[in-house]
Amino acid sequence: MLAPELIELSIDKEFVEFKVIPNTHGPITESAVMALLELPEFSQLHPLEIMIQKAVAQVNKLSGQDDGQFEQFFKIAERIDGQINVKVAEDRMSAQMELTAPWGGEKVTIQGILKALKASNVCMGLSKVKIQALLKELSRKQAGEACECVIASGKQCVNGINASTERKVPLARERLLQPQEREDGTVDMHNLGAIIMVDPNDLLLVKHPATEGTSGYNIHGEILAPVPGKDILITAGNGTEFSSNNPNHLIATVSGQPVETKTGMQVDDVLNIKDVDVGYGNVDFKGSILVTGDVHEGMVVKSSGDITVMGFVDSGTLIAEGDVIVSKGIIGRQLKEKELSTKIRAKGQICAQFIQYSDLEAEGEILVTKQLLHSYTKTKQKLTVSDANGRRGDLVGGIVKADNGVIAVVIGATAGTKTEVFCAMKQDKLKQQAKELDKSIKSMVVTGLDVEARLRKLPPKSEWQNDEMMVEQVQMMLDEKSELTAQRASEEAEYERVQHQVVNYYQDFHIEAHKHIFANVELHIGQAFNRTQREHGTCMVFNQGKELKFDYETKH
C-alpha cells in the first residue's frame, strides 16, 4: 500500500494532491491510489478517474528512468458541491428537479433551489411538499447519488363546449316509430296516434350556450388561453319567438305543427287534405301538409315544412323543405332504365314503413321500418332499414348511396337480387379540408412570427409612449397578434376535429346487417369493393386497408 503522506488537501481545501517520486514509489496501480482516497480525510471527495489513470501511467513510465528521481504532482480528487438540475419539459407544462448529494462540498439548500428555479423561470405550479420530500430523500443519499421528481406542473386550459340545442317537442317523423298501445296491451300498427301539434307559449327548443372554457398556465407563468366553444345561430322561424323570460328558450306564438329548420324551429299552419288526386290538384303550400288519405299517381306535393301522409304515395312527387313522413307506404314502378315513377325529395328526413320502385333523396337520414325495394336512395346521412326492435327490415335491389353508412336487418335476397350499396365515399374531401387547414395554420404561424419580430424591434416604450401615432401602430400590432392567436387556436381545434374524422372515418361509417347479407350484393365503402358470392350472417362490414372486412363478432 502506498504511504498516506503521499496525498494531502490543497491549501484551499478544494482538491486532493498526489505527490510521488516514480523511482521511489513506483510502479503503482490505480487501485493503490484509490485506496489512499478511502482514508477518512478524503473519502467524501470526488475521485478524478482520468487524472488517476494519467498519474499511474506517468509514474510507471518514469519509474527506473533518470527523470524518475523528480517528484511528480497530480490533482486526483476534488470537492464538489451538491448539484441542482432543473429540467423543463418541451411543452413547458412540467419541470423535473434532480438533486445530487455533494462530494464533500456544500449541501443543497432551499435557497439554492429557489435560485435555480428562478434561473430556469419556473414560477407557477410549484409543489412545496414535493421539494421538501426531495430534500429529505437527498439527505439519505451517498456522495454523488442523485434523486429526482416532478416539482412543478402547469395547468392545461379547458376548451369551451360548443353551443347545442335541445328540442322539447316531438316531430311528425317520430310519430311513425311509435305505434299506439291498445288498452289490452297489444300494439295497433295502423294507429300512429294524434298529429303532433303545439299551442302558443309551448316551449319548442332550448339553446345551451357555448362556454368560454377555462384558462390554464404553464410553469413559466404564461397564460394558456382556451378555445371558446363555437356558438350556433338560432333563429325564430315563423310562428315562434324567443321567450322574454329567457332568450335561450324558443316558444310557439301560434297553434300548429312544429317543424325543425336548419337554424331552429318554426310552427307551420297545417294544410289538411283528405286525398291528393286529380280532383284536388297539385299542392304547393307555405307550411306543413297533412294528407289523411293517399297521394295518387302523377300528383305533386310541395311544402316549405313537413309533408305527412297517413296513407300511401303511389307514383307521385313529394318535395319538402322539412321531413317527408309516410305512415304506410311509398309505391312506384319502373318507367325506363334508371327512371322511377315516384320521387321524394326532403331537406330533412324521409321516413316510411314500406318503399318500392321510388327515387329518394334526403339531406337528413332515411328511415324505412319494413322494406326498401328496388329504389334509388341517396342521403347525406345514414340509411336505416329496420323496425325499432331490429327484427325486420329488408333492403333489396336498387342502388343506395348513404354518406354516413347503412344499417339493415337483411341486405339482398335469397334469389340473388342485385343490390348496390355505396357509403363513406367522401374521405378524400375531409383529407383536403385538413390539408387546407394545415396550410392556413402554417401561414398564420409565419405571420405571427413576423408580428412578434416587429414588436421586438420596437425601441424602449419610454421613447414612444407619448407619440400618439406610434402608440396606435403598436396597438394595431398587438391587436393583430391577438386576433392571429385566437384564429390559429380555433383552426387548430378544427384541424384536430377533422383529422380525428379522417382517422376514424371508416370505423364510424360502415355497413351493418343484423341478420343476413345475401349473394350478389355489391358493397362499396370508399374505394373498397366486394360483390358477395355467398350468404353472410350477422355482421358489420368495414373498409380496412382499402379492402372490405366482414366482422361477425362485434355486437350491434
Protein backbone atom coordinates (compact mmCIF):
# COMPACT_ATOMS: atom_id res chain seq x y z
CA MET A 1 0.00 0.00 0.00
CA LEU A 2 1.15 3.50 -0.79
CA ALA A 3 2.10 5.71 2.13
CA PRO A 4 -0.74 8.01 3.36
CA GLU A 5 1.63 11.00 3.37
CA LEU A 6 1.70 10.93 -0.45
CA ILE A 7 -1.68 12.69 -0.59
CA GLU A 8 -2.90 15.83 1.11
CA LEU A 9 -5.53 18.53 0.69
CA SER A 10 -4.66 21.59 -1.33
CA ILE A 11 -4.24 24.88 0.52
CA ASP A 12 -7.82 25.95 -0.42
CA LYS A 13 -9.09 22.51 0.71
CA GLU A 14 -10.79 22.00 -2.67
CA PHE A 15 -8.55 19.27 -4.14
CA VAL A 16 -6.58 16.20 -3.12
CA GLU A 17 -2.95 16.44 -4.26
CA PHE A 18 -0.90 13.33 -5.02
CA LYS A 19 2.86 13.88 -4.77
CA VAL A 20 5.00 10.91 -5.76
CA ILE A 21 8.61 10.17 -6.84
CA PRO A 22 8.47 7.46 -9.55
CA ASN A 23 11.86 5.92 -8.69
CA THR A 24 10.97 5.77 -5.02
CA HIS A 25 7.30 4.79 -5.07
CA GLY A 26 6.73 3.31 -8.48
CA PRO A 27 5.47 1.36 -10.13
CA ILE A 28 1.95 1.98 -8.81
CA THR A 29 -1.60 0.82 -9.61
CA GLU A 30 -4.94 2.63 -9.87
CA SER A 31 -6.35 0.53 -7.05
CA ALA A 32 -3.48 1.60 -4.78
CA VAL A 33 -4.21 5.27 -5.48
CA MET A 34 -7.94 4.71 -4.95
CA ALA A 35 -7.13 3.04 -1.61
CA LEU A 36 -5.49 6.28 -0.48
CA LEU A 37 -8.69 8.17 -1.29
CA GLU A 38 -10.63 5.87 1.04
CA LEU A 39 -8.84 7.43 4.01
CA PRO A 40 -11.38 9.26 6.25
CA GLU A 41 -9.99 12.68 5.44
CA PHE A 42 -10.53 12.23 1.67
CA SER A 43 -13.36 9.69 1.33
CA GLN A 44 -16.04 12.33 0.74
CA LEU A 45 -14.21 13.94 -2.18
CA HIS A 46 -14.87 13.02 -5.81
CA PRO A 47 -12.09 10.89 -7.43
CA LEU A 48 -10.87 12.25 -10.75
CA GLU A 49 -10.52 8.95 -12.57
CA ILE A 50 -8.91 10.35 -15.70
CA MET A 51 -6.28 12.16 -13.63
CA ILE A 52 -5.64 8.98 -11.60
CA GLN A 53 -5.14 6.98 -14.81
CA LYS A 54 -2.83 9.68 -16.12
CA ALA A 55 -0.85 9.72 -12.83
CA VAL A 56 -0.41 5.91 -12.85
CA ALA A 57 0.71 5.92 -16.48
CA GLN A 58 3.16 8.79 -15.95
CA VAL A 59 4.69 7.37 -12.75
CA ASN A 60 5.09 3.89 -14.22
CA LYS A 61 6.64 5.32 -17.35
CA LEU A 62 9.27 7.28 -15.38
CA SER A 63 9.93 4.59 -12.80
CA GLY A 64 13.56 3.45 -13.10
CA GLN A 65 14.37 6.31 -15.51
CA ASP A 66 16.66 9.27 -14.89
CA ASP A 67 13.67 11.60 -14.78
CA GLY A 68 12.03 9.31 -12.24
CA GLN A 69 14.02 10.90 -9.43
CA PHE A 70 11.95 14.05 -9.54
CA GLU A 71 8.69 14.50 -7.69
CA GLN A 72 5.50 14.37 -9.76
CA PHE A 73 2.40 16.30 -8.78
CA PHE A 74 -1.25 15.36 -9.64
CA LYS A 75 -4.75 16.50 -8.58
CA ILE A 76 -6.63 13.21 -8.10
CA ALA A 77 -9.86 14.23 -6.30
CA GLU A 78 -11.96 17.31 -5.82
CA ARG A 79 -14.62 18.71 -3.60
CA ILE A 80 -18.00 19.13 -5.39
CA ASP A 81 -20.97 20.99 -4.02
CA GLY A 82 -24.43 19.44 -4.14
CA GLN A 83 -25.95 19.86 -7.59
CA ILE A 84 -29.37 21.19 -8.60
CA ASN A 85 -30.56 20.48 -12.11
CA VAL A 86 -33.95 21.75 -13.30
CA LYS A 87 -35.29 20.10 -16.45
CA VAL A 88 -38.15 21.94 -18.14
CA ALA A 89 -40.38 19.83 -20.39
CA GLU A 90 -40.51 20.80 -24.04
CA ASP A 91 -44.15 21.86 -23.73
CA ARG A 92 -43.30 23.91 -20.60
CA MET A 93 -46.07 22.17 -18.70
CA SER A 94 -43.84 20.48 -16.13
CA ALA A 95 -40.42 20.74 -14.55
CA GLN A 96 -38.36 17.95 -13.04
CA MET A 97 -35.69 18.62 -10.44
CA GLU A 98 -32.65 16.41 -9.97
CA LEU A 99 -30.62 16.82 -6.78
CA THR A 100 -27.17 15.27 -6.40
CA ALA A 101 -25.54 14.73 -2.99
CA PRO A 102 -22.26 16.68 -2.55
CA TRP A 103 -18.73 15.21 -2.64
CA GLY A 104 -17.53 16.92 0.49
CA GLY A 105 -18.90 20.26 -0.74
CA GLU A 106 -21.81 22.47 0.22
CA LYS A 107 -25.13 20.71 0.72
CA VAL A 108 -28.17 21.58 -1.37
CA THR A 109 -30.27 24.22 0.39
CA ILE A 110 -33.75 25.55 -0.14
CA GLN A 111 -32.18 28.91 -1.01
CA GLY A 112 -30.13 27.24 -3.73
CA ILE A 113 -33.22 25.51 -5.07
CA LEU A 114 -35.16 28.78 -5.24
CA LYS A 115 -32.25 30.38 -7.08
CA ALA A 116 -32.15 27.51 -9.59
CA LEU A 117 -35.90 27.72 -10.14
CA LYS A 118 -35.64 31.45 -10.76
CA ALA A 119 -32.80 30.92 -13.22
CA SER A 120 -34.99 28.42 -15.12
CA ASN A 121 -38.00 30.75 -14.89
CA VAL A 122 -40.08 28.13 -13.10
CA CYS A 123 -42.59 30.16 -11.13
CA MET A 124 -46.00 28.51 -11.41
CA GLY A 125 -47.42 25.18 -10.29
CA LEU A 126 -44.64 24.52 -7.77
CA SER A 127 -45.17 21.85 -5.13
CA LYS A 128 -43.55 22.78 -1.83
CA VAL A 129 -44.35 19.31 -0.46
CA LYS A 130 -42.52 17.57 -3.33
CA ILE A 131 -39.47 19.81 -2.96
CA GLN A 132 -39.27 19.10 0.77
CA ALA A 133 -39.68 15.37 0.13
CA LEU A 134 -36.89 15.51 -2.45
CA LEU A 135 -34.55 17.25 0.03
CA LYS A 136 -35.36 14.62 2.65
CA GLU A 137 -34.61 11.84 0.17
CA LEU A 138 -31.32 13.54 -0.76
CA SER A 139 -30.22 13.56 2.88
CA ARG A 140 -30.17 9.74 2.76
CA LYS A 141 -28.05 9.56 -0.38
CA GLN A 142 -24.34 8.80 -0.55
CA ALA A 143 -21.92 11.28 -2.11
CA GLY A 144 -22.65 11.65 -5.84
CA GLU A 145 -26.00 9.83 -5.72
CA ALA A 146 -28.99 11.63 -7.20
CA CYS A 147 -32.74 11.72 -6.78
CA GLU A 148 -35.38 13.44 -8.88
CA CYS A 149 -39.08 14.11 -9.22
CA VAL A 150 -41.52 16.48 -10.90
CA ILE A 151 -41.78 19.55 -8.68
CA ALA A 152 -43.84 21.86 -10.88
CA SER A 153 -46.82 21.23 -13.12
CA GLY A 154 -48.76 23.61 -15.30
CA LYS A 155 -52.50 23.55 -15.70
CA GLN A 156 -53.95 22.74 -19.09
CA CYS A 157 -56.63 25.05 -20.32
CA VAL A 158 -60.07 23.53 -20.75
CA ASN A 159 -61.56 24.39 -24.11
CA GLY A 160 -65.08 25.71 -24.23
CA ILE A 161 -68.07 23.50 -25.01
CA ASN A 162 -69.85 24.13 -28.28
CA ALA A 163 -73.36 25.51 -28.09
CA SER A 164 -76.09 22.90 -28.51
CA THR A 165 -79.84 22.72 -28.78
CA GLU A 166 -82.36 20.53 -27.03
CA ARG A 167 -85.70 20.04 -28.72
CA LYS A 168 -88.62 19.92 -26.29
CA VAL A 169 -91.38 18.73 -28.62
CA PRO A 170 -91.64 15.61 -30.80
CA LEU A 171 -91.75 15.83 -34.59
CA ALA A 172 -94.07 14.20 -37.06
CA ARG A 173 -91.41 11.70 -38.17
CA GLU A 174 -91.02 10.39 -34.61
CA ARG A 175 -94.69 9.53 -34.56
CA LEU A 176 -94.07 6.92 -37.28
CA LEU A 177 -91.89 4.91 -34.92
CA GLN A 178 -94.37 4.80 -32.06
CA PRO A 179 -97.49 2.75 -32.87
CA GLN A 180 -100.15 3.20 -30.19
CA GLU A 181 -100.77 0.65 -27.47
CA ARG A 182 -104.34 -0.64 -27.05
CA GLU A 183 -105.99 -0.97 -23.67
CA ASP A 184 -105.33 -4.73 -23.68
CA GLY A 185 -101.57 -4.12 -24.09
CA THR A 186 -101.36 -5.07 -27.76
CA VAL A 187 -99.99 -2.62 -30.32
CA ASP A 188 -102.11 -1.14 -33.10
CA MET A 189 -99.67 -0.79 -36.02
CA HIS A 190 -102.24 1.21 -38.01
CA ASN A 191 -102.97 3.78 -35.34
CA LEU A 192 -99.97 6.06 -35.05
CA GLY A 193 -101.50 8.48 -32.58
CA ALA A 194 -102.62 12.07 -32.81
CA ILE A 195 -100.94 14.56 -35.09
CA ILE A 196 -98.16 16.43 -33.29
CA MET A 197 -99.47 19.95 -32.55
CA VAL A 198 -98.37 22.79 -30.27
CA ASP A 199 -100.14 25.79 -28.76
CA PRO A 200 -98.94 29.37 -28.12
CA ASN A 201 -96.29 29.64 -25.39
CA ASP A 202 -95.33 25.97 -25.67
CA LEU A 203 -91.56 25.52 -25.26
CA LEU A 204 -90.09 24.26 -28.53
CA LEU A 205 -86.32 24.48 -28.20
CA VAL A 206 -83.72 25.25 -25.56
CA LYS A 207 -80.31 26.57 -26.56
CA HIS A 208 -77.41 25.64 -24.28
CA PRO A 209 -74.90 28.47 -24.90
CA ALA A 210 -71.28 27.85 -25.74
CA THR A 211 -68.84 28.20 -22.86
CA GLU A 212 -65.64 30.20 -22.90
CA GLY A 213 -63.59 27.47 -21.33
CA THR A 214 -61.08 27.83 -18.50
CA SER A 215 -57.64 29.37 -18.86
CA GLY A 216 -54.56 27.41 -17.91
CA TYR A 217 -50.92 28.26 -17.37
CA ASN A 218 -47.50 26.76 -17.92
CA ILE A 219 -44.70 26.60 -15.37
CA HIS A 220 -43.27 29.88 -16.70
CA GLY A 221 -46.47 31.63 -15.68
CA GLU A 222 -47.66 32.15 -19.23
CA ILE A 223 -51.44 32.05 -19.55
CA LEU A 224 -52.83 29.34 -21.84
CA ALA A 225 -55.96 30.66 -23.46
CA PRO A 226 -58.74 28.14 -24.09
CA VAL A 227 -60.51 27.79 -27.43
CA PRO A 228 -64.02 29.12 -26.84
CA GLY A 229 -66.87 26.83 -27.77
CA LYS A 230 -68.46 27.51 -31.12
CA ASP A 231 -71.72 29.36 -30.99
CA ILE A 232 -74.66 28.38 -33.16
CA LEU A 233 -77.17 30.76 -34.59
CA ILE A 234 -80.74 30.06 -33.54
CA THR A 235 -83.39 31.99 -35.40
CA ALA A 236 -87.05 32.30 -34.58
CA GLY A 237 -88.93 30.83 -37.53
CA ASN A 238 -92.48 31.57 -38.47
CA GLY A 239 -94.85 31.13 -35.56
CA THR A 240 -92.10 31.26 -32.92
CA GLU A 241 -90.24 33.79 -30.78
CA PHE A 242 -87.64 33.87 -28.04
CA SER A 243 -89.10 33.95 -24.56
CA SER A 244 -88.99 37.34 -22.83
CA ASN A 245 -88.01 35.48 -19.64
CA ASN A 246 -85.14 33.54 -21.22
CA PRO A 247 -83.51 34.47 -24.55
CA ASN A 248 -82.34 30.85 -24.96
CA HIS A 249 -85.88 29.48 -24.95
CA LEU A 250 -87.75 29.34 -28.25
CA ILE A 251 -91.53 29.23 -27.81
CA ALA A 252 -94.53 28.93 -30.09
CA THR A 253 -96.66 32.01 -30.82
CA VAL A 254 -99.37 30.22 -32.76
CA SER A 255 -101.03 26.84 -32.84
CA GLY A 256 -99.72 24.44 -35.46
CA GLN A 257 -97.24 21.71 -36.28
CA PRO A 258 -93.63 22.08 -35.01
CA VAL A 259 -91.02 21.75 -37.76
CA GLU A 260 -87.24 21.67 -37.49
CA THR A 261 -85.27 24.14 -39.61
CA LYS A 262 -81.54 24.44 -40.19
CA THR A 263 -81.30 27.23 -37.64
CA GLY A 264 -84.05 26.39 -35.19
CA MET A 265 -87.75 25.65 -35.46
CA GLN A 266 -90.93 27.03 -36.89
CA VAL A 267 -94.60 26.37 -36.31
CA ASP A 268 -96.47 25.80 -39.51
CA ASP A 269 -100.05 26.20 -40.37
CA VAL A 270 -101.15 22.73 -41.29
CA LEU A 271 -102.95 22.24 -44.57
CA ASN A 272 -105.23 19.28 -44.02
CA ILE A 273 -106.14 17.31 -47.15
CA LYS A 274 -108.05 14.06 -47.41
CA ASP A 275 -106.55 12.85 -50.73
CA VAL A 276 -104.27 14.46 -53.29
CA ASP A 277 -105.70 13.34 -56.61
CA VAL A 278 -106.77 14.79 -59.95
CA GLY A 279 -109.89 16.16 -58.32
CA TYR A 280 -107.89 18.15 -55.74
CA GLY A 281 -104.89 19.05 -57.92
CA ASN A 282 -101.22 19.56 -57.16
CA VAL A 283 -100.27 21.21 -53.87
CA ASP A 284 -97.68 23.95 -53.19
CA PHE A 285 -98.10 25.25 -49.64
CA LYS A 286 -96.06 27.52 -47.38
CA GLY A 287 -96.39 25.47 -44.24
CA SER A 288 -96.76 21.82 -43.32
CA ILE A 289 -99.11 19.50 -45.14
CA LEU A 290 -101.11 16.65 -43.66
CA VAL A 291 -102.68 14.21 -46.10
CA THR A 292 -105.02 11.95 -44.14
CA GLY A 293 -105.50 9.67 -47.14
CA ASP A 294 -103.27 8.98 -50.15
CA VAL A 295 -101.23 10.84 -52.76
CA HIS A 296 -102.26 9.44 -56.13
CA GLU A 297 -100.43 8.84 -59.41
CA GLY A 298 -98.92 11.84 -61.14
CA MET A 299 -99.66 14.31 -58.31
CA VAL A 300 -97.06 16.76 -56.97
CA VAL A 301 -96.99 17.98 -53.36
CA LYS A 302 -94.59 20.76 -52.30
CA SER A 303 -94.19 22.16 -48.79
CA SER A 304 -91.99 24.69 -47.01
CA GLY A 305 -92.33 22.49 -43.92
CA ASP A 306 -93.05 18.78 -43.39
CA ILE A 307 -95.26 16.57 -45.53
CA THR A 308 -97.10 13.87 -43.61
CA VAL A 309 -99.13 11.27 -45.49
CA MET A 310 -101.26 8.92 -43.41
CA GLY A 311 -101.88 6.52 -46.28
CA PHE A 312 -99.87 5.68 -49.41
CA VAL A 313 -97.93 7.61 -52.01
CA ASP A 314 -98.43 5.95 -55.39
CA SER A 315 -96.29 7.24 -58.30
CA GLY A 316 -96.38 10.82 -57.00
CA THR A 317 -93.78 13.50 -56.27
CA LEU A 318 -93.23 14.93 -52.77
CA ILE A 319 -90.84 17.85 -52.21
CA ALA A 320 -90.36 19.21 -48.66
CA GLU A 321 -88.13 21.79 -47.01
CA GLY A 322 -88.56 19.69 -43.88
CA ASP A 323 -89.29 15.96 -43.47
CA VAL A 324 -91.39 13.61 -45.57
CA ILE A 325 -93.25 11.10 -43.41
CA VAL A 326 -95.44 8.41 -44.98
CA SER A 327 -97.25 6.27 -42.45
CA LYS A 328 -97.94 3.32 -44.73
CA GLY A 329 -96.01 3.00 -47.96
CA ILE A 330 -94.38 4.69 -50.95
CA ILE A 331 -95.05 2.81 -54.17
CA GLY A 332 -93.77 3.38 -57.69
CA ARG A 333 -92.89 1.49 -60.82
CA GLN A 334 -90.08 1.32 -63.34
CA LEU A 335 -90.70 3.75 -66.23
CA LYS A 336 -87.46 3.08 -68.07
CA GLU A 337 -83.87 2.37 -67.14
CA LYS A 338 -82.92 4.41 -64.06
CA GLU A 339 -86.25 6.28 -64.07
CA LEU A 340 -88.89 5.53 -61.47
CA SER A 341 -92.40 6.89 -61.19
CA THR A 342 -92.21 8.09 -57.57
CA LYS A 343 -89.86 10.90 -56.47
CA ILE A 344 -89.31 12.01 -52.88
CA ARG A 345 -87.09 14.98 -52.02
CA ALA A 346 -86.51 16.24 -48.46
CA LYS A 347 -84.10 18.70 -46.89
CA GLY A 348 -84.85 16.89 -43.65
CA GLN A 349 -85.51 13.18 -43.28
CA ILE A 350 -87.55 10.65 -45.23
CA CYS A 351 -89.48 8.11 -43.15
CA ALA A 352 -91.86 5.37 -44.25
CA GLN A 353 -92.83 1.81 -43.43
CA PHE A 354 -92.56 0.41 -46.95
CA ILE A 355 -90.94 1.76 -50.14
CA GLN A 356 -90.59 0.23 -53.60
CA TYR A 357 -89.52 1.49 -57.03
CA SER A 358 -89.01 5.04 -55.75
CA ASP A 359 -86.37 7.73 -56.24
CA LEU A 360 -85.42 9.07 -52.79
CA GLU A 361 -83.07 11.92 -51.92
CA ALA A 362 -82.64 13.49 -48.47
CA GLU A 363 -80.17 15.74 -46.72
CA GLY A 364 -81.11 14.08 -43.44
CA GLU A 365 -81.41 10.40 -42.59
CA ILE A 366 -83.68 7.98 -44.41
CA LEU A 367 -85.60 5.54 -42.21
CA VAL A 368 -87.65 2.60 -43.55
CA THR A 369 -89.20 0.38 -40.91
CA LYS A 370 -90.11 -2.67 -43.05
CA GLN A 371 -88.88 -2.88 -46.66
CA LEU A 372 -86.92 -0.79 -49.17
CA LEU A 373 -87.19 -2.49 -52.56
CA HIS A 374 -85.72 -1.71 -55.99
CA SER A 375 -85.29 2.00 -55.29
CA TYR A 376 -82.65 4.68 -55.90
CA THR A 377 -81.77 6.01 -52.46
CA LYS A 378 -79.44 8.90 -51.68
CA THR A 379 -78.78 10.53 -48.29
CA LYS A 380 -76.08 12.76 -46.86
CA GLN A 381 -76.56 11.00 -43.54
CA LYS A 382 -77.41 7.38 -42.69
CA LEU A 383 -79.87 4.91 -44.20
CA THR A 384 -81.66 2.64 -41.74
CA VAL A 385 -83.92 -0.21 -42.89
CA SER A 386 -85.16 -1.70 -39.64
CA ASP A 387 -88.01 -1.61 -37.19
CA ALA A 388 -87.45 -0.32 -33.67
CA ASN A 389 -86.56 -3.83 -32.40
CA GLY A 390 -84.10 -4.65 -35.19
CA ARG A 391 -86.11 -7.74 -36.17
CA ARG A 392 -87.44 -6.74 -39.56
CA GLY A 393 -86.06 -4.56 -42.34
CA ASP A 394 -85.24 -5.73 -45.89
CA LEU A 395 -83.05 -3.78 -48.30
CA VAL A 396 -83.43 -5.47 -51.65
CA GLY A 397 -82.41 -4.35 -55.15
CA GLY A 398 -81.75 -0.85 -56.41
CA ILE A 399 -78.89 1.48 -55.61
CA VAL A 400 -78.13 3.02 -52.23
CA LYS A 401 -75.77 5.97 -51.67
CA ALA A 402 -75.55 6.81 -47.97
CA ASP A 403 -72.69 9.08 -46.90
CA ASN A 404 -72.71 8.03 -43.24
CA GLY A 405 -73.33 4.30 -43.53
CA VAL A 406 -76.13 1.76 -43.82
CA ILE A 407 -77.97 -0.27 -41.20
CA ALA A 408 -80.38 -3.00 -42.31
CA VAL A 409 -81.67 -6.26 -40.92
CA VAL A 410 -81.29 -8.01 -44.29
CA ILE A 411 -79.42 -6.82 -47.39
CA GLY A 412 -80.20 -8.58 -50.68
CA ALA A 413 -82.43 -11.62 -51.19
CA THR A 414 -82.19 -15.40 -51.32
CA ALA A 415 -82.82 -15.19 -55.07
CA GLY A 416 -79.56 -13.28 -55.51
CA THR A 417 -81.22 -9.97 -56.48
CA LYS A 418 -78.55 -7.46 -57.49
CA THR A 419 -78.29 -4.80 -54.77
CA GLU A 420 -75.73 -1.98 -54.85
CA VAL A 421 -74.70 -0.20 -51.67
CA PHE A 422 -72.31 2.77 -51.56
CA CYS A 423 -71.23 4.54 -48.37
CA ALA A 424 -68.35 6.54 -46.87
CA MET A 425 -67.20 7.91 -50.22
CA LYS A 426 -66.01 11.33 -49.00
CA GLN A 427 -62.83 10.73 -47.00
CA ASP A 428 -60.78 12.47 -49.71
CA LYS A 429 -62.81 15.65 -49.19
CA LEU A 430 -62.08 15.51 -45.47
CA LYS A 431 -58.38 14.98 -46.19
CA GLN A 432 -58.40 18.01 -48.49
CA GLN A 433 -60.13 20.06 -45.80
CA ALA A 434 -57.45 19.01 -43.27
CA LYS A 435 -54.72 19.89 -45.78
CA GLU A 436 -56.15 23.36 -46.32
CA LEU A 437 -56.48 23.94 -42.58
CA ASP A 438 -52.87 22.83 -42.05
CA LYS A 439 -51.70 25.23 -44.76
CA SER A 440 -53.67 28.08 -43.22
CA ILE A 441 -52.29 27.35 -39.72
CA LYS A 442 -48.70 27.32 -41.02
CA SER A 443 -49.33 30.62 -42.78
CA MET A 444 -50.61 32.12 -39.51
CA VAL A 445 -47.52 30.84 -37.67
CA VAL A 446 -45.29 32.69 -40.15
CA THR A 447 -47.39 35.86 -39.89
CA GLY A 448 -47.35 35.62 -36.10
CA LEU A 449 -43.56 35.32 -36.02
CA ASP A 450 -43.32 38.37 -38.27
CA VAL A 451 -45.55 40.39 -35.91
CA GLU A 452 -43.51 39.26 -32.89
CA ALA A 453 -40.28 40.21 -34.67
CA ARG A 454 -41.65 43.70 -35.37
CA LEU A 455 -42.69 44.07 -31.74
CA ARG A 456 -39.23 43.00 -30.53
CA LYS A 457 -37.57 45.61 -32.76
CA LEU A 458 -39.51 48.44 -31.13
CA PRO A 459 -37.39 50.94 -29.16
CA PRO A 460 -37.98 51.17 -25.40
CA LYS A 461 -41.51 52.21 -24.52
CA SER A 462 -40.27 55.37 -22.85
CA GLU A 463 -39.18 56.65 -26.27
CA TRP A 464 -42.58 56.41 -27.94
CA GLN A 465 -45.28 56.23 -25.27
CA ASN A 466 -46.16 59.91 -25.81
CA ASP A 467 -46.25 59.59 -29.61
CA GLU A 468 -49.96 59.02 -30.42
CA MET A 469 -49.27 57.69 -33.91
CA MET A 470 -46.64 55.27 -32.62
CA VAL A 471 -48.90 54.13 -29.79
CA GLU A 472 -51.67 53.45 -32.31
CA GLN A 473 -49.30 51.44 -34.55
CA VAL A 474 -48.13 49.35 -31.60
CA GLN A 475 -51.73 48.75 -30.54
CA MET A 476 -52.58 47.64 -34.07
CA MET A 477 -49.71 45.13 -33.98
CA LEU A 478 -50.85 43.85 -30.58
CA ASP A 479 -54.45 43.53 -31.85
CA GLU A 480 -53.19 41.68 -34.94
CA LYS A 481 -51.20 39.31 -32.74
CA SER A 482 -54.23 38.68 -30.51
CA GLU A 483 -56.53 38.03 -33.48
CA LEU A 484 -53.98 35.69 -35.05
CA THR A 485 -53.63 33.77 -31.79
CA ALA A 486 -57.38 33.34 -31.44
CA GLN A 487 -57.91 32.40 -35.08
CA ARG A 488 -54.99 29.98 -35.03
CA ALA A 489 -56.31 28.30 -31.87
CA SER A 490 -59.73 27.97 -33.49
CA GLU A 491 -58.35 26.50 -36.71
CA GLU A 492 -56.03 24.15 -34.81
CA ALA A 493 -59.06 22.83 -32.89
CA GLU A 494 -60.95 22.41 -36.18
CA TYR A 495 -57.90 20.69 -37.72
CA GLU A 496 -57.79 18.22 -34.83
CA ARG A 497 -61.52 17.54 -35.23
CA VAL A 498 -61.21 16.95 -38.99
CA GLN A 499 -58.08 14.81 -38.55
CA HIS A 500 -59.97 12.72 -35.98
CA GLN A 501 -62.77 12.28 -38.52
CA VAL A 502 -60.27 11.23 -41.21
CA VAL A 503 -58.59 8.68 -38.93
CA ASN A 504 -61.90 7.22 -37.71
CA TYR A 505 -63.80 7.65 -40.97
CA TYR A 506 -64.18 4.03 -41.97
CA GLN A 507 -64.67 2.92 -38.37
CA ASP A 508 -67.57 5.35 -37.95
CA PHE A 509 -69.15 4.92 -41.38
CA HIS A 510 -69.73 1.30 -42.37
CA ILE A 511 -72.42 -1.23 -43.25
CA GLU A 512 -74.35 -3.25 -40.66
CA ALA A 513 -76.53 -6.29 -41.34
CA HIS A 514 -78.41 -7.52 -38.27
CA LYS A 515 -79.28 -10.89 -39.84
CA HIS A 516 -78.09 -11.52 -43.40
CA ILE A 517 -76.24 -10.23 -46.42
CA PHE A 518 -77.16 -12.45 -49.36
CA ALA A 519 -75.20 -13.22 -52.54
CA ASN A 520 -74.89 -10.70 -55.42
CA VAL A 521 -74.79 -7.66 -53.17
CA GLU A 522 -72.23 -5.08 -54.33
CA LEU A 523 -70.71 -3.34 -51.30
CA HIS A 524 -68.70 -0.15 -51.79
CA ILE A 525 -67.09 1.56 -48.79
CA GLY A 526 -64.76 4.29 -50.02
CA GLN A 527 -62.62 2.72 -52.74
CA ALA A 528 -63.01 -0.79 -51.31
CA PHE A 529 -65.41 -3.10 -53.17
CA ASN A 530 -66.81 -6.60 -52.79
CA ARG A 531 -69.55 -8.49 -54.61
CA THR A 532 -70.79 -11.16 -52.24
CA GLN A 533 -70.61 -14.72 -53.54
CA ARG A 534 -72.41 -16.33 -50.63
CA GLU A 535 -74.69 -15.59 -47.72
CA HIS A 536 -73.16 -13.79 -44.72
CA GLY A 537 -74.72 -13.87 -41.27
CA THR A 538 -74.96 -11.04 -38.77
CA CYS A 539 -72.00 -8.79 -39.47
CA MET A 540 -70.50 -5.36 -39.83
CA VAL A 541 -68.53 -4.51 -42.97
CA PHE A 542 -65.60 -2.10 -42.79
CA ASN A 543 -63.06 -0.62 -45.16
CA GLN A 544 -59.80 -1.85 -43.70
CA GLY A 545 -56.64 -1.12 -45.68
CA LYS A 546 -58.69 -0.48 -48.85
CA GLU A 547 -60.26 -3.93 -48.58
CA LEU A 548 -63.63 -4.89 -47.13
CA LYS A 549 -63.54 -6.77 -43.85
CA PHE A 550 -66.55 -8.74 -42.58
CA ASP A 551 -66.68 -8.62 -38.78
CA TYR A 552 -69.00 -11.30 -37.37
CA GLU A 553 -68.14 -10.74 -33.72
CA THR A 554 -68.85 -7.06 -32.99
CA LYS A 555 -72.22 -6.66 -31.36
CA HIS A 556 -74.60 -4.17 -32.91
